[in-house]
Amino acid sequence: MKKILLLLFIFSIGKYFSQINITVTNPVAEQIMLGNYNPATYLPTTVLNFPDTIFKGINKRVSADTLKKYIIQLANFKNRNSGSDTVSPAKGIGAARRWVYSKFQEFSVANENRLIPSYLQFDLAVCNVPQHRDIFAVLPGMDTTDKSVIIVEGHIDSRCENLCDTSCMAQGVEDNATGTALVIELARVMSKYAYNHTIIFIVTMGEEQGLYGAEAFADYVQQNAIPVKAVQNNDVIGGIICGQTSSPPSCPGLNVI
């Protein structure tokens, strides 16, 4: 009986802390993820879809200088804690996610409006904030007979030692401006090409408090029976110099590499 009560307690706690009211803010992006679209609508004028062409193109076009610019910009938001400022145009998680969204819009315009940006909004109390948003962009695939999607992801939130400290300097250069920058750069570079599968570039929040943004998207995918072919997660993709590019608890001590 005790075991049954314990299981019921664990289940109820899990449900209590689950994300609810998960919604996609752009209905076009949602329909594409569901496979309800005409692929011809999103074909580029010049279709570049040979694997060798794509491989060489991505390797050539990914720019270290551009990645550095993205990382610096993300660091300039000072504190990207999941509970940080959502109103300021220059600081906090709100400014950071709007900037990412604007980059996705910019890449879409540069590629015949083929990249479709959106937010994934969900309700969950994280660091005293009741509602949160992931940022993502959908690149429609050419073949809707196989509706499975490929996900390229990285989390945008940062933290100091205190889990919900929204006033500290938490630039999160390594953890995880690096991964976020790569997701953004891959969206820029890969949008030029055409792929059989739909690709979703997503930047999630709430990772530092418990993978909440990623879990919300996973719940959405499961609830809508969206098949997933592959996931590439980008978290801390460069080296760490403690005290310069990262701070405790993500590194053990000053100048430790």
Protein backbone atom coordinates (compact mmCIF):
# COMPACT_ATOMS: atom_id res chain seq x y z
CA MET A 1 0.00 0.00 0.00
CA LYS A 2 2.87 2.36 0.86
CA LYS A 3 4.43 1.71 -2.56
CA ILE A 4 1.15 2.51 -4.30
CA LEU A 5 0.76 5.75 -2.34
CA LEU A 6 4.35 6.73 -3.16
CA LEU A 7 3.79 6.12 -6.87
CA LEU A 8 0.59 8.16 -6.78
CA PHE A 9 2.44 10.98 -4.98
CA ILE A 10 5.26 10.99 -7.56
CA PHE A 11 2.74 10.95 -10.40
CA SER A 12 0.76 13.84 -8.89
CA ILE A 13 3.93 15.90 -8.36
CA GLY A 14 4.96 15.27 -11.98
CA LYS A 15 1.56 16.40 -13.23
CA TYR A 16 1.64 19.46 -10.95
CA PHE A 17 4.90 20.65 -12.46
CA SER A 18 4.05 19.73 -16.06
CA GLN A 19 3.82 22.37 -18.74
CA ILE A 20 0.26 23.24 -19.72
CA ASN A 21 -1.41 25.32 -22.44
CA ILE A 22 1.39 24.56 -24.91
CA THR A 23 0.71 26.58 -28.05
CA VAL A 24 2.50 27.47 -31.28
CA THR A 25 2.10 31.19 -31.99
CA ASN A 26 2.44 30.87 -35.78
CA PRO A 27 -0.26 28.60 -37.27
CA VAL A 28 1.69 28.25 -40.54
CA ALA A 29 4.67 26.80 -38.67
CA GLU A 30 2.35 24.43 -36.85
CA GLN A 31 0.76 23.09 -40.02
CA ILE A 32 4.17 22.52 -41.58
CA MET A 33 5.31 20.52 -38.54
CA LEU A 34 2.13 18.47 -38.84
CA GLY A 35 2.89 17.81 -42.50
CA ASN A 36 -0.16 19.72 -43.75
CA TYR A 37 1.35 21.82 -46.53
CA ASN A 38 2.25 21.83 -50.21
CA PRO A 39 6.03 21.33 -50.56
CA ALA A 40 6.03 23.21 -53.88
CA THR A 41 5.10 26.39 -52.00
CA TYR A 42 8.42 26.33 -50.16
CA LEU A 43 10.82 25.21 -52.87
CA PRO A 44 13.65 27.66 -53.61
CA THR A 45 13.91 29.09 -57.11
CA THR A 46 17.11 27.12 -57.55
CA VAL A 47 16.80 23.76 -55.82
CA LEU A 48 20.09 22.72 -54.21
CA ASN A 49 19.47 19.31 -52.70
CA PHE A 50 22.36 17.02 -53.61
CA PRO A 51 24.01 15.76 -50.39
CA ASP A 52 27.53 16.60 -51.57
CA THR A 53 26.48 20.14 -52.52
CA ILE A 54 24.84 20.64 -49.13
CA PHE A 55 27.77 19.18 -47.21
CA LYS A 56 30.35 21.34 -48.95
CA GLY A 57 28.11 24.41 -48.78
CA ILE A 58 27.53 24.15 -45.04
CA ASN A 59 31.21 23.62 -44.34
CA LYS A 60 32.14 26.61 -46.47
CA ARG A 61 29.46 29.01 -45.25
CA VAL A 62 29.54 28.49 -41.48
CA SER A 63 31.49 31.51 -40.25
CA ALA A 64 33.61 31.68 -37.10
CA ASP A 65 33.33 35.47 -37.18
CA THR A 66 29.54 35.30 -37.36
CA LEU A 67 29.39 32.80 -34.51
CA LYS A 68 31.55 35.14 -32.43
CA LYS A 69 29.22 38.07 -33.15
CA TYR A 70 26.21 36.01 -32.06
CA ILE A 71 27.95 34.94 -28.85
CA ILE A 72 28.94 38.52 -28.01
CA GLN A 73 25.38 39.71 -28.62
CA LEU A 74 23.95 37.00 -26.38
CA ALA A 75 26.46 37.89 -23.65
CA ASN A 76 25.41 41.53 -23.91
CA PHE A 77 21.96 40.64 -22.59
CA LYS A 78 23.75 40.30 -19.20
CA ASN A 79 21.37 37.82 -17.59
CA ARG A 80 19.32 35.26 -19.53
CA ASN A 81 17.90 33.49 -16.51
CA SER A 82 14.49 31.93 -17.23
CA GLY A 83 12.96 34.32 -14.69
CA SER A 84 14.79 37.44 -15.86
CA ASP A 85 13.45 40.63 -17.48
CA THR A 86 11.02 40.14 -20.37
CA VAL A 87 10.27 43.83 -20.99
CA SER A 88 13.66 45.52 -21.38
CA PRO A 89 14.87 45.90 -24.98
CA ALA A 90 18.48 45.40 -23.90
CA LYS A 91 18.63 42.97 -20.98
CA GLY A 92 17.13 39.68 -19.93
CA ILE A 93 15.58 36.59 -21.46
CA GLY A 94 12.85 38.59 -23.24
CA ALA A 95 15.31 40.75 -25.18
CA ALA A 96 17.40 37.68 -25.99
CA ARG A 97 14.54 35.64 -27.38
CA ARG A 98 13.20 38.57 -29.43
CA TRP A 99 16.67 38.98 -30.92
CA VAL A 100 16.80 35.29 -31.89
CA TYR A 101 13.34 35.58 -33.43
CA SER A 102 14.48 38.61 -35.45
CA LYS A 103 17.45 36.62 -36.77
CA PHE A 104 15.13 33.85 -37.95
CA GLN A 105 12.97 36.48 -39.67
CA GLU A 106 16.06 37.97 -41.32
CA PHE A 107 17.16 34.56 -42.65
CA SER A 108 13.67 33.89 -43.96
CA VAL A 109 13.64 37.11 -45.99
CA ALA A 110 17.08 36.24 -47.39
CA ASN A 111 15.81 32.82 -48.50
CA GLU A 112 12.49 33.51 -50.26
CA ASN A 113 10.51 33.37 -46.98
CA ARG A 114 11.07 29.63 -46.73
CA LEU A 115 12.08 29.67 -43.05
CA ILE A 116 9.02 30.07 -40.82
CA PRO A 117 9.70 31.53 -37.34
CA SER A 118 7.45 31.02 -34.33
CA TYR A 119 7.33 30.79 -30.55
CA LEU A 120 6.27 27.79 -28.51
CA GLN A 121 4.44 29.24 -25.53
CA PHE A 122 3.62 27.30 -22.37
CA ASP A 123 2.45 27.88 -18.82
CA LEU A 124 4.70 26.74 -15.99
CA ALA A 125 5.94 28.55 -12.88
CA VAL A 126 9.72 28.78 -13.28
CA CYS A 127 11.58 31.28 -11.09
CA ASN A 128 8.29 33.02 -10.24
CA VAL A 129 7.41 33.59 -13.91
CA PRO A 130 4.20 31.77 -14.94
CA GLN A 131 4.58 31.72 -18.73
CA HIS A 132 7.56 31.08 -21.01
CA ARG A 133 8.50 30.84 -24.67
CA ASP A 134 10.88 28.79 -26.77
CA ILE A 135 11.92 30.28 -30.11
CA PHE A 136 11.99 28.15 -33.24
CA ALA A 137 11.97 28.26 -37.03
CA VAL A 138 10.71 25.61 -39.43
CA LEU A 139 12.31 24.82 -42.78
CA PRO A 140 9.74 22.76 -44.75
CA GLY A 141 10.88 19.50 -46.32
CA MET A 142 10.28 18.49 -49.92
CA ASP A 143 8.66 15.13 -49.15
CA THR A 144 5.48 14.98 -47.08
CA THR A 145 5.08 11.22 -47.60
CA ASP A 146 7.54 10.92 -44.70
CA LYS A 147 6.43 13.45 -42.10
CA SER A 148 9.26 12.85 -39.65
CA VAL A 149 11.19 15.98 -38.66
CA ILE A 150 14.80 16.73 -37.76
CA ILE A 151 15.40 18.95 -34.72
CA VAL A 152 18.45 21.18 -34.20
CA GLU A 153 18.38 22.61 -30.68
CA GLY A 154 20.24 24.49 -27.97
CA HIS A 155 19.14 26.23 -24.78
CA ILE A 156 19.39 30.01 -24.43
CA ASP A 157 18.98 30.49 -20.67
CA SER A 158 21.88 31.16 -18.32
CA ARG A 159 22.32 31.16 -14.54
CA CYS A 160 24.54 32.05 -11.61
CA GLU A 161 25.06 29.83 -8.57
CA ASN A 162 21.63 30.74 -7.24
CA LEU A 163 19.15 28.98 -9.52
CA CYS A 164 16.80 31.95 -9.91
CA ASP A 165 19.18 34.91 -9.47
CA THR A 166 18.00 37.46 -12.04
CA SER A 167 20.22 40.35 -10.94
CA CYS A 168 23.67 38.76 -11.16
CA MET A 169 25.93 38.94 -14.21
CA ALA A 170 25.06 35.71 -16.02
CA GLN A 171 26.34 36.20 -19.56
CA GLY A 172 26.52 32.44 -20.11
CA VAL A 173 29.09 32.61 -22.90
CA GLU A 174 29.90 28.90 -22.89
CA ASP A 175 26.72 27.66 -21.26
CA ASN A 176 25.05 28.22 -23.55
CA ALA A 177 25.55 31.19 -25.87
CA THR A 178 27.82 28.87 -27.86
CA GLY A 179 25.09 26.32 -28.53
CA THR A 180 22.48 28.98 -29.23
CA ALA A 181 24.83 30.73 -31.66
CA LEU A 182 25.37 27.48 -33.56
CA VAL A 183 21.63 26.84 -33.88
CA ILE A 184 21.19 30.36 -35.26
CA GLU A 185 24.13 29.99 -37.64
CA LEU A 186 22.91 26.63 -38.92
CA ALA A 187 19.49 28.16 -39.57
CA ARG A 188 21.19 30.89 -41.61
CA VAL A 189 23.40 28.54 -43.60
CA MET A 190 21.05 25.61 -44.10
CA SER A 191 18.06 27.68 -45.23
CA LYS A 192 19.68 28.03 -48.65
CA TYR A 193 19.22 24.34 -49.39
CA ALA A 194 16.31 21.94 -49.85
CA TYR A 195 15.88 18.77 -47.79
CA ASN A 196 13.51 15.83 -47.88
CA HIS A 197 12.66 16.21 -44.19
CA THR A 198 11.37 19.28 -42.39
CA ILE A 199 14.03 20.78 -40.12
CA ILE A 200 13.17 22.59 -36.89
CA PHE A 201 15.75 24.98 -35.43
CA ILE A 202 14.76 25.57 -31.81
CA VAL A 203 16.22 27.60 -28.96
CA THR A 204 14.78 26.51 -25.62
CA MET A 205 14.59 28.05 -22.14
CA GLY A 206 14.38 26.61 -18.65
CA GLU A 207 17.24 24.17 -19.17
CA GLU A 208 19.08 25.30 -16.06
CA GLN A 209 16.00 24.81 -13.88
CA GLY A 210 15.06 21.41 -15.28
CA LEU A 211 14.95 21.14 -19.10
CA TYR A 212 11.50 22.73 -19.08
CA GLY A 213 11.59 24.34 -22.52
CA ALA A 214 12.82 21.17 -24.20
CA GLU A 215 10.24 19.16 -22.28
CA ALA A 216 7.47 21.49 -23.44
CA PHE A 217 8.47 20.96 -27.06
CA ALA A 218 8.78 17.21 -26.54
CA ASP A 219 5.29 17.19 -25.02
CA TYR A 220 3.96 19.17 -27.97
CA VAL A 221 5.53 16.77 -30.47
CA GLN A 222 4.15 13.77 -28.62
CA GLN A 223 0.67 15.23 -28.19
CA ASN A 224 0.47 15.98 -31.91
CA ALA A 225 1.99 12.67 -33.05
CA ILE A 226 4.83 14.38 -34.93
CA PRO A 227 7.43 11.71 -35.78
CA VAL A 228 11.04 12.68 -35.04
CA LYS A 229 13.82 11.30 -37.23
CA ALA A 230 16.80 12.85 -35.43
CA VAL A 231 17.79 15.44 -32.81
CA GLN A 232 21.04 17.39 -32.67
CA ASN A 233 21.50 19.05 -29.27
CA ASN A 234 24.12 21.79 -28.94
CA ASP A 235 25.18 22.47 -25.35
CA VAL A 236 28.58 24.02 -24.50
CA ILE A 237 30.24 23.51 -27.87
CA GLY A 238 33.54 25.28 -27.07
CA GLY A 239 36.16 25.11 -24.34
CA ILE A 240 35.65 26.58 -20.87
CA ILE A 241 37.97 28.95 -19.01
CA CYS A 242 36.45 29.26 -15.56
CA GLY A 243 35.98 32.86 -14.51
CA GLN A 244 36.22 34.15 -18.08
CA THR A 245 33.75 32.21 -20.19
CA SER A 246 31.88 30.41 -17.42
CA SER A 247 31.25 30.61 -13.68
CA PRO A 248 30.38 28.14 -10.89
CA PRO A 249 28.55 25.78 -10.75
CA SER A 250 29.30 25.00 -14.41
CA CYS A 251 33.06 25.00 -13.71
CA PRO A 252 35.12 24.11 -10.61
CA GLY A 253 37.34 27.15 -10.01
CA LEU A 254 39.06 30.27 -11.35
CA ASN A 255 41.08 29.75 -14.55
CA VAL A 256 40.39 26.01 -14.65
CA ILE A 257 40.10 24.95 -18.29
